């Protein structure tokens, strides 16, 4: 049976934030962890310097000219081109969500990075339908999309 496009298939749980970045985990609808995530910190939803607010977003598979195969979050209000894509460092995201197998400081700058990102995005692209919904929450916050 085909999945309904509004069915929540992923849950991004933001776990820790500092002045540089937000780290979290991506789970399937059964609570099984699929990936670690890396985003920018919350900076009032400002373009290119902030993560997007929590909420439920429609998501579609997408081919980005810059990032290749990715997922594109829809209905992001004043923000556009918010993707889930491969990347390793907080400087690789300008509001997007990076995914990887785990978190560790791979470049020695004192900040956690995601690793095995390309393999992780490939696994997600194979496992998920063309359209679905994703819920984003932050531990300890009741973030609501403006």
N, C-alpha and C. Protein backbone atom coordinates (compact mmCIF):
# COMPACT_ATOMS: atom_id res chain seq x y z
N UNK A 1 0.84 -1.17 0.00
CA UNK A 1 0.00 0.00 0.00
C UNK A 1 0.89 1.24 0.00
N UNK A 2 0.59 2.20 -0.84
CA UNK A 2 1.37 3.43 -0.92
C UNK A 2 1.12 4.29 0.31
N UNK A 3 2.19 4.96 0.77
CA UNK A 3 2.06 5.84 1.93
C UNK A 3 1.36 7.13 1.52
N UNK A 4 0.52 7.63 2.40
CA UNK A 4 -0.11 8.92 2.16
C UNK A 4 0.96 10.00 2.30
N UNK A 5 0.89 11.03 1.47
CA UNK A 5 1.93 12.05 1.48
C UNK A 5 1.93 12.89 2.74
N UNK A 6 0.81 12.87 3.51
CA UNK A 6 0.78 13.64 4.75
C UNK A 6 1.08 12.79 5.99
N UNK A 7 1.43 11.53 5.76
CA UNK A 7 1.76 10.63 6.86
C UNK A 7 3.14 10.95 7.40
N UNK A 8 3.23 11.11 8.74
CA UNK A 8 4.53 11.42 9.34
C UNK A 8 5.40 10.17 9.29
N UNK A 9 6.49 10.27 8.55
CA UNK A 9 7.41 9.14 8.38
C UNK A 9 8.72 9.37 9.12
N UNK A 10 9.07 10.64 9.39
CA UNK A 10 10.31 10.97 10.08
C UNK A 10 10.03 11.91 11.23
N UNK A 11 10.86 11.80 12.27
CA UNK A 11 10.79 12.72 13.39
C UNK A 11 12.22 13.18 13.68
N UNK A 12 12.46 14.47 13.53
CA UNK A 12 13.74 15.06 13.87
C UNK A 12 13.64 15.57 15.30
N UNK A 13 14.47 15.03 16.16
CA UNK A 13 14.50 15.43 17.56
C UNK A 13 15.80 16.19 17.80
N UNK A 14 15.67 17.49 18.04
CA UNK A 14 16.84 18.32 18.32
C UNK A 14 17.22 18.14 19.78
N UNK A 15 18.47 17.74 20.01
CA UNK A 15 18.89 17.36 21.36
C UNK A 15 19.75 18.39 22.05
N UNK A 16 20.71 18.98 21.35
CA UNK A 16 21.63 19.94 21.97
C UNK A 16 21.90 21.09 21.02
N UNK A 17 22.10 22.25 21.62
CA UNK A 17 22.39 23.45 20.81
C UNK A 17 23.46 24.26 21.53
N UNK A 18 24.35 24.84 20.75
CA UNK A 18 25.30 25.82 21.27
C UNK A 18 25.30 27.00 20.32
N UNK A 19 26.23 27.90 20.47
CA UNK A 19 26.23 29.10 19.63
C UNK A 19 26.56 28.80 18.16
N UNK A 20 27.07 27.61 17.88
CA UNK A 20 27.48 27.26 16.52
C UNK A 20 26.51 26.37 15.79
N UNK A 21 25.84 25.48 16.54
CA UNK A 21 25.08 24.43 15.86
C UNK A 21 24.06 23.77 16.77
N UNK A 22 23.20 22.98 16.13
CA UNK A 22 22.22 22.15 16.82
C UNK A 22 22.42 20.72 16.36
N UNK A 23 22.51 19.79 17.30
CA UNK A 23 22.65 18.37 16.95
C UNK A 23 21.39 17.64 17.40
N UNK A 24 21.11 16.56 16.69
CA UNK A 24 19.92 15.79 17.02
C UNK A 24 19.95 14.43 16.37
N UNK A 25 18.76 13.84 16.31
CA UNK A 25 18.64 12.52 15.70
C UNK A 25 17.38 12.47 14.86
N UNK A 26 17.42 11.64 13.84
CA UNK A 26 16.29 11.43 12.95
C UNK A 26 15.78 10.02 13.20
N UNK A 27 14.48 9.92 13.51
CA UNK A 27 13.89 8.62 13.80
C UNK A 27 12.77 8.32 12.81
N UNK A 28 12.53 7.03 12.60
CA UNK A 28 11.38 6.65 11.78
C UNK A 28 10.13 6.68 12.66
N UNK A 29 9.01 6.34 12.09
CA UNK A 29 7.74 6.44 12.83
C UNK A 29 7.63 5.44 13.97
N UNK A 30 8.54 4.47 14.02
CA UNK A 30 8.57 3.50 15.12
C UNK A 30 9.58 3.87 16.21
N UNK A 31 10.21 5.04 16.08
CA UNK A 31 11.18 5.49 17.06
C UNK A 31 12.57 4.92 16.88
N UNK A 32 12.83 4.31 15.74
CA UNK A 32 14.16 3.75 15.46
C UNK A 32 15.03 4.84 14.85
N UNK A 33 16.20 5.02 15.42
CA UNK A 33 17.11 6.06 14.93
C UNK A 33 17.66 5.68 13.56
N UNK A 34 17.55 6.61 12.63
CA UNK A 34 18.05 6.41 11.27
C UNK A 34 19.32 7.20 11.00
N UNK A 35 19.49 8.33 11.70
CA UNK A 35 20.63 9.20 11.43
C UNK A 35 20.81 10.19 12.57
N UNK A 36 21.99 10.75 12.64
CA UNK A 36 22.26 11.92 13.47
C UNK A 36 22.10 13.15 12.57
N UNK A 37 21.78 14.27 13.17
CA UNK A 37 21.55 15.49 12.39
C UNK A 37 22.40 16.64 12.90
N UNK A 38 22.66 17.57 11.99
CA UNK A 38 23.42 18.77 12.30
C UNK A 38 22.75 19.94 11.60
N UNK A 39 22.44 20.97 12.37
CA UNK A 39 21.81 22.18 11.86
C UNK A 39 22.46 23.40 12.50
N UNK A 40 22.07 24.56 12.02
CA UNK A 40 22.47 25.79 12.66
C UNK A 40 21.70 25.96 13.96
N UNK A 41 22.15 26.84 14.86
CA UNK A 41 21.38 27.10 16.08
C UNK A 41 20.15 27.97 15.76
N UNK A 42 19.28 28.13 16.74
CA UNK A 42 18.11 28.98 16.58
C UNK A 42 18.54 30.44 16.65
N UNK A 43 18.27 31.17 15.59
CA UNK A 43 18.54 32.62 15.52
C UNK A 43 17.33 33.30 14.90
N UNK A 44 16.18 33.11 15.55
CA UNK A 44 14.93 33.77 15.16
C UNK A 44 14.51 33.51 13.73
N UNK A 45 14.82 32.33 13.22
CA UNK A 45 14.43 31.92 11.87
C UNK A 45 15.01 32.82 10.79
N UNK A 46 16.14 33.44 11.06
CA UNK A 46 16.79 34.32 10.08
C UNK A 46 17.42 33.46 8.97
N UNK A 47 17.20 33.90 7.75
CA UNK A 47 17.71 33.18 6.59
C UNK A 47 19.23 33.03 6.62
N UNK A 48 19.72 31.85 6.31
CA UNK A 48 21.15 31.50 6.20
C UNK A 48 21.91 31.43 7.52
N UNK A 49 21.30 31.80 8.66
CA UNK A 49 22.02 31.76 9.93
C UNK A 49 21.25 31.01 11.02
N UNK A 50 20.05 30.53 10.71
CA UNK A 50 19.20 29.89 11.71
C UNK A 50 18.58 28.61 11.16
N UNK A 51 18.31 27.69 12.08
CA UNK A 51 17.49 26.54 11.72
C UNK A 51 16.04 26.98 11.62
N UNK A 52 15.21 26.16 11.01
CA UNK A 52 13.80 26.49 10.90
C UNK A 52 13.09 26.11 12.20
N UNK A 53 11.92 26.67 12.45
CA UNK A 53 11.17 26.31 13.67
C UNK A 53 10.69 24.87 13.63
N UNK A 54 10.38 24.35 14.80
CA UNK A 54 9.77 23.04 14.89
C UNK A 54 8.38 23.07 14.28
N UNK A 55 7.87 21.90 13.96
CA UNK A 55 6.54 21.79 13.38
C UNK A 55 6.46 20.53 12.54
N UNK A 56 5.42 20.46 11.73
CA UNK A 56 5.24 19.35 10.81
C UNK A 56 5.32 19.90 9.39
N UNK A 57 6.22 19.32 8.60
CA UNK A 57 6.48 19.81 7.25
C UNK A 57 6.27 18.71 6.21
N UNK A 58 5.62 19.03 5.09
CA UNK A 58 5.62 18.10 3.96
C UNK A 58 7.04 18.03 3.39
N UNK A 59 7.43 16.86 2.93
CA UNK A 59 8.78 16.65 2.39
C UNK A 59 8.66 15.90 1.08
N UNK A 60 9.48 16.30 0.09
CA UNK A 60 9.54 15.58 -1.18
C UNK A 60 10.99 15.27 -1.53
N UNK A 61 11.18 14.18 -2.25
CA UNK A 61 12.52 13.89 -2.77
C UNK A 61 12.82 14.93 -3.84
N UNK A 62 14.11 15.29 -3.95
CA UNK A 62 14.49 16.43 -4.78
C UNK A 62 15.92 16.21 -5.30
N UNK A 63 16.19 16.73 -6.47
CA UNK A 63 17.57 16.76 -6.98
C UNK A 63 18.00 18.22 -7.01
N UNK A 64 18.92 18.57 -6.12
CA UNK A 64 19.43 19.92 -6.00
C UNK A 64 20.61 20.11 -6.94
N UNK A 65 20.66 21.23 -7.66
CA UNK A 65 21.83 21.48 -8.52
C UNK A 65 23.14 21.51 -7.72
N UNK A 66 23.07 21.95 -6.47
CA UNK A 66 24.27 22.07 -5.65
C UNK A 66 24.57 20.81 -4.83
N UNK A 67 23.52 20.18 -4.27
CA UNK A 67 23.73 19.08 -3.32
C UNK A 67 23.34 17.71 -3.85
N UNK A 68 22.78 17.65 -5.05
CA UNK A 68 22.39 16.36 -5.62
C UNK A 68 21.12 15.83 -4.98
N UNK A 69 21.03 14.50 -4.87
CA UNK A 69 19.85 13.86 -4.30
C UNK A 69 19.67 14.31 -2.86
N UNK A 70 18.45 14.76 -2.56
CA UNK A 70 18.17 15.32 -1.24
C UNK A 70 16.67 15.24 -0.99
N UNK A 71 16.26 15.77 0.15
CA UNK A 71 14.85 15.94 0.48
C UNK A 71 14.59 17.43 0.65
N UNK A 72 13.44 17.90 0.16
CA UNK A 72 13.09 19.31 0.20
C UNK A 72 11.88 19.50 1.11
N UNK A 73 12.05 20.25 2.18
CA UNK A 73 10.95 20.56 3.09
C UNK A 73 10.10 21.66 2.47
N UNK A 74 8.81 21.42 2.45
CA UNK A 74 7.85 22.35 1.85
C UNK A 74 7.16 23.17 2.95
N UNK A 75 6.49 24.23 2.54
CA UNK A 75 5.69 25.04 3.46
C UNK A 75 6.51 25.54 4.65
N UNK A 76 7.68 26.08 4.36
CA UNK A 76 8.57 26.57 5.40
C UNK A 76 8.44 28.07 5.63
N UNK A 77 7.29 28.62 5.29
CA UNK A 77 7.02 30.03 5.55
C UNK A 77 7.95 30.95 4.78
N UNK A 78 8.59 31.85 5.50
CA UNK A 78 9.46 32.84 4.85
C UNK A 78 10.79 32.25 4.39
N UNK A 79 11.04 31.01 4.73
CA UNK A 79 12.28 30.34 4.34
C UNK A 79 12.03 29.51 3.09
N UNK A 80 13.06 29.35 2.29
CA UNK A 80 12.93 28.55 1.07
C UNK A 80 14.15 27.66 0.90
N UNK A 81 13.98 26.64 0.07
CA UNK A 81 15.07 25.71 -0.24
C UNK A 81 15.69 25.10 1.02
N UNK A 82 14.86 24.72 1.98
CA UNK A 82 15.35 24.01 3.17
C UNK A 82 15.40 22.54 2.80
N UNK A 83 16.61 22.00 2.77
CA UNK A 83 16.84 20.63 2.33
C UNK A 83 17.39 19.77 3.46
N UNK A 84 17.23 18.48 3.31
CA UNK A 84 18.00 17.49 4.06
C UNK A 84 19.00 16.97 3.04
N UNK A 85 20.29 17.17 3.31
CA UNK A 85 21.31 16.79 2.32
C UNK A 85 22.60 16.36 3.00
N UNK A 86 23.52 15.86 2.20
CA UNK A 86 24.83 15.44 2.69
C UNK A 86 25.68 16.66 3.02
N UNK A 87 26.52 16.51 4.00
CA UNK A 87 27.45 17.55 4.44
C UNK A 87 28.02 17.11 5.77
N UNK A 88 29.11 17.71 6.20
CA UNK A 88 29.74 17.26 7.43
C UNK A 88 29.80 18.30 8.54
N UNK A 89 29.97 19.56 8.19
CA UNK A 89 30.29 20.59 9.17
C UNK A 89 29.19 21.63 9.28
N UNK A 90 29.12 22.31 10.43
CA UNK A 90 28.09 23.34 10.60
C UNK A 90 28.21 24.42 9.53
N UNK A 91 29.38 24.62 8.98
CA UNK A 91 29.54 25.62 7.90
C UNK A 91 28.94 25.13 6.57
N UNK A 92 28.60 23.83 6.49
CA UNK A 92 28.00 23.27 5.27
C UNK A 92 26.49 23.50 5.20
N UNK A 93 25.91 24.01 6.27
CA UNK A 93 24.47 24.23 6.29
C UNK A 93 24.17 25.72 6.44
N UNK A 94 23.25 26.18 5.64
CA UNK A 94 22.81 27.58 5.73
C UNK A 94 21.32 27.59 6.03
N UNK A 95 20.94 26.72 6.95
CA UNK A 95 19.54 26.57 7.32
C UNK A 95 19.01 25.19 7.02
N UNK A 96 19.78 24.40 6.29
CA UNK A 96 19.38 23.04 5.93
C UNK A 96 19.70 22.07 7.06
N UNK A 97 19.34 20.81 6.85
CA UNK A 97 19.56 19.75 7.81
C UNK A 97 20.56 18.76 7.21
N UNK A 98 21.67 18.56 7.87
CA UNK A 98 22.67 17.59 7.43
C UNK A 98 22.44 16.29 8.20
N UNK A 99 22.64 15.17 7.53
CA UNK A 99 22.47 13.86 8.16
C UNK A 99 23.75 13.05 8.06
N UNK A 100 23.97 12.20 9.05
CA UNK A 100 25.13 11.32 9.04
C UNK A 100 24.91 10.13 9.94
N UNK A 101 25.85 9.21 9.88
CA UNK A 101 25.79 7.99 10.68
C UNK A 101 25.98 8.28 12.16
N UNK A 102 26.79 9.27 12.46
CA UNK A 102 27.08 9.61 13.85
C UNK A 102 27.65 11.00 13.95
N UNK A 103 28.01 11.38 15.18
CA UNK A 103 28.58 12.70 15.45
C UNK A 103 29.96 12.54 16.08
N UNK A 104 30.93 13.27 15.55
CA UNK A 104 32.26 13.36 16.17
C UNK A 104 32.97 14.54 15.53
N UNK A 105 33.99 15.03 16.19
CA UNK A 105 34.76 16.16 15.67
C UNK A 105 35.77 15.62 14.66
N UNK A 106 35.40 15.65 13.38
CA UNK A 106 36.27 15.04 12.36
C UNK A 106 37.31 16.01 11.80
N UNK A 107 37.15 17.31 12.04
CA UNK A 107 38.12 18.26 11.51
C UNK A 107 38.93 18.96 12.60
N UNK A 108 38.75 18.58 13.86
CA UNK A 108 39.56 19.11 14.94
C UNK A 108 39.26 20.54 15.35
N UNK A 109 38.08 21.05 15.02
CA UNK A 109 37.75 22.44 15.38
C UNK A 109 37.02 22.57 16.71
N UNK A 110 36.82 21.43 17.40
CA UNK A 110 36.14 21.48 18.69
C UNK A 110 34.63 21.37 18.62
N UNK A 111 34.08 21.21 17.41
CA UNK A 111 32.63 21.09 17.23
C UNK A 111 32.31 19.71 16.64
N UNK A 112 31.16 19.17 17.06
CA UNK A 112 30.73 17.89 16.51
C UNK A 112 30.33 18.05 15.05
N UNK A 113 30.68 17.07 14.25
CA UNK A 113 30.35 17.02 12.83
C UNK A 113 29.59 15.72 12.59
N UNK A 114 28.85 15.64 11.49
CA UNK A 114 28.26 14.36 11.11
C UNK A 114 29.22 13.66 10.16
N UNK A 115 29.28 12.34 10.25
CA UNK A 115 30.17 11.59 9.36
C UNK A 115 29.37 10.54 8.60
N UNK A 116 29.97 10.04 7.52
CA UNK A 116 29.32 9.10 6.58
C UNK A 116 28.00 9.68 6.07
N UNK A 117 28.04 10.96 5.75
CA UNK A 117 26.83 11.67 5.35
C UNK A 117 26.28 11.19 4.01
N UNK A 118 27.13 11.00 3.03
CA UNK A 118 26.63 10.56 1.71
C UNK A 118 25.98 9.18 1.79
N UNK A 119 26.60 8.27 2.53
CA UNK A 119 25.99 6.94 2.70
C UNK A 119 24.65 7.05 3.40
N UNK A 120 24.57 7.92 4.39
CA UNK A 120 23.34 8.07 5.16
C UNK A 120 22.22 8.64 4.30
N UNK A 121 22.50 9.68 3.52
CA UNK A 121 21.44 10.26 2.67
C UNK A 121 21.00 9.23 1.63
N UNK A 122 21.92 8.43 1.11
CA UNK A 122 21.57 7.39 0.14
C UNK A 122 20.62 6.36 0.77
N UNK A 123 20.91 5.94 2.00
CA UNK A 123 20.04 4.98 2.69
C UNK A 123 18.65 5.58 2.92
N UNK A 124 18.59 6.85 3.32
CA UNK A 124 17.29 7.50 3.54
C UNK A 124 16.50 7.61 2.25
N UNK A 125 17.18 7.96 1.16
CA UNK A 125 16.50 8.09 -0.13
C UNK A 125 15.92 6.75 -0.58
N UNK A 126 16.62 5.67 -0.31
CA UNK A 126 16.13 4.34 -0.68
C UNK A 126 14.95 3.91 0.20
N UNK A 127 14.97 4.31 1.47
CA UNK A 127 14.00 3.81 2.44
C UNK A 127 12.69 4.59 2.47
N UNK A 128 12.73 5.85 2.06
CA UNK A 128 11.55 6.71 2.23
C UNK A 128 10.80 6.91 0.92
N UNK A 129 9.48 7.15 1.02
CA UNK A 129 8.69 7.39 -0.19
C UNK A 129 9.00 8.76 -0.81
N UNK A 130 8.44 8.99 -1.98
CA UNK A 130 8.67 10.24 -2.71
C UNK A 130 8.13 11.46 -1.97
N UNK A 131 7.01 11.29 -1.25
CA UNK A 131 6.38 12.36 -0.48
C UNK A 131 5.99 11.82 0.88
N UNK A 132 6.20 12.62 1.91
CA UNK A 132 5.82 12.24 3.26
C UNK A 132 5.85 13.49 4.14
N UNK A 133 5.54 13.34 5.40
CA UNK A 133 5.61 14.45 6.35
C UNK A 133 6.69 14.16 7.39
N UNK A 134 7.28 15.24 7.91
CA UNK A 134 8.31 15.12 8.94
C UNK A 134 7.96 16.06 10.08
N UNK A 135 8.08 15.54 11.29
CA UNK A 135 7.86 16.34 12.49
C UNK A 135 9.22 16.74 13.05
N UNK A 136 9.34 18.01 13.47
CA UNK A 136 10.56 18.51 14.07
C UNK A 136 10.23 19.03 15.46
N UNK A 137 10.93 18.50 16.46
CA UNK A 137 10.76 18.97 17.83
C UNK A 137 12.13 19.20 18.47
N UNK A 138 12.12 19.98 19.55
CA UNK A 138 13.34 20.27 20.29
C UNK A 138 13.13 19.83 21.72
N UNK A 139 14.04 19.02 22.24
CA UNK A 139 13.92 18.56 23.62
C UNK A 139 13.90 19.78 24.55
N UNK A 140 12.90 19.82 25.42
CA UNK A 140 12.80 20.89 26.39
C UNK A 140 12.09 22.14 25.90
N UNK A 141 11.61 22.11 24.67
CA UNK A 141 10.92 23.29 24.12
C UNK A 141 9.62 22.87 23.49
N UNK A 142 8.68 23.74 23.53
CA UNK A 142 7.44 23.57 22.78
C UNK A 142 7.47 24.57 21.63
N UNK A 143 8.28 24.29 20.65
CA UNK A 143 8.44 25.18 19.51
C UNK A 143 7.23 25.08 18.61
N UNK A 144 6.68 26.18 18.23
CA UNK A 144 5.53 26.20 17.33
C UNK A 144 5.89 27.08 16.15
N UNK A 145 5.59 26.57 14.97
CA UNK A 145 5.85 27.35 13.76
C UNK A 145 5.04 28.64 13.80
N UNK A 146 5.69 29.79 13.51
CA UNK A 146 4.96 31.05 13.46
C UNK A 146 4.05 31.12 12.25
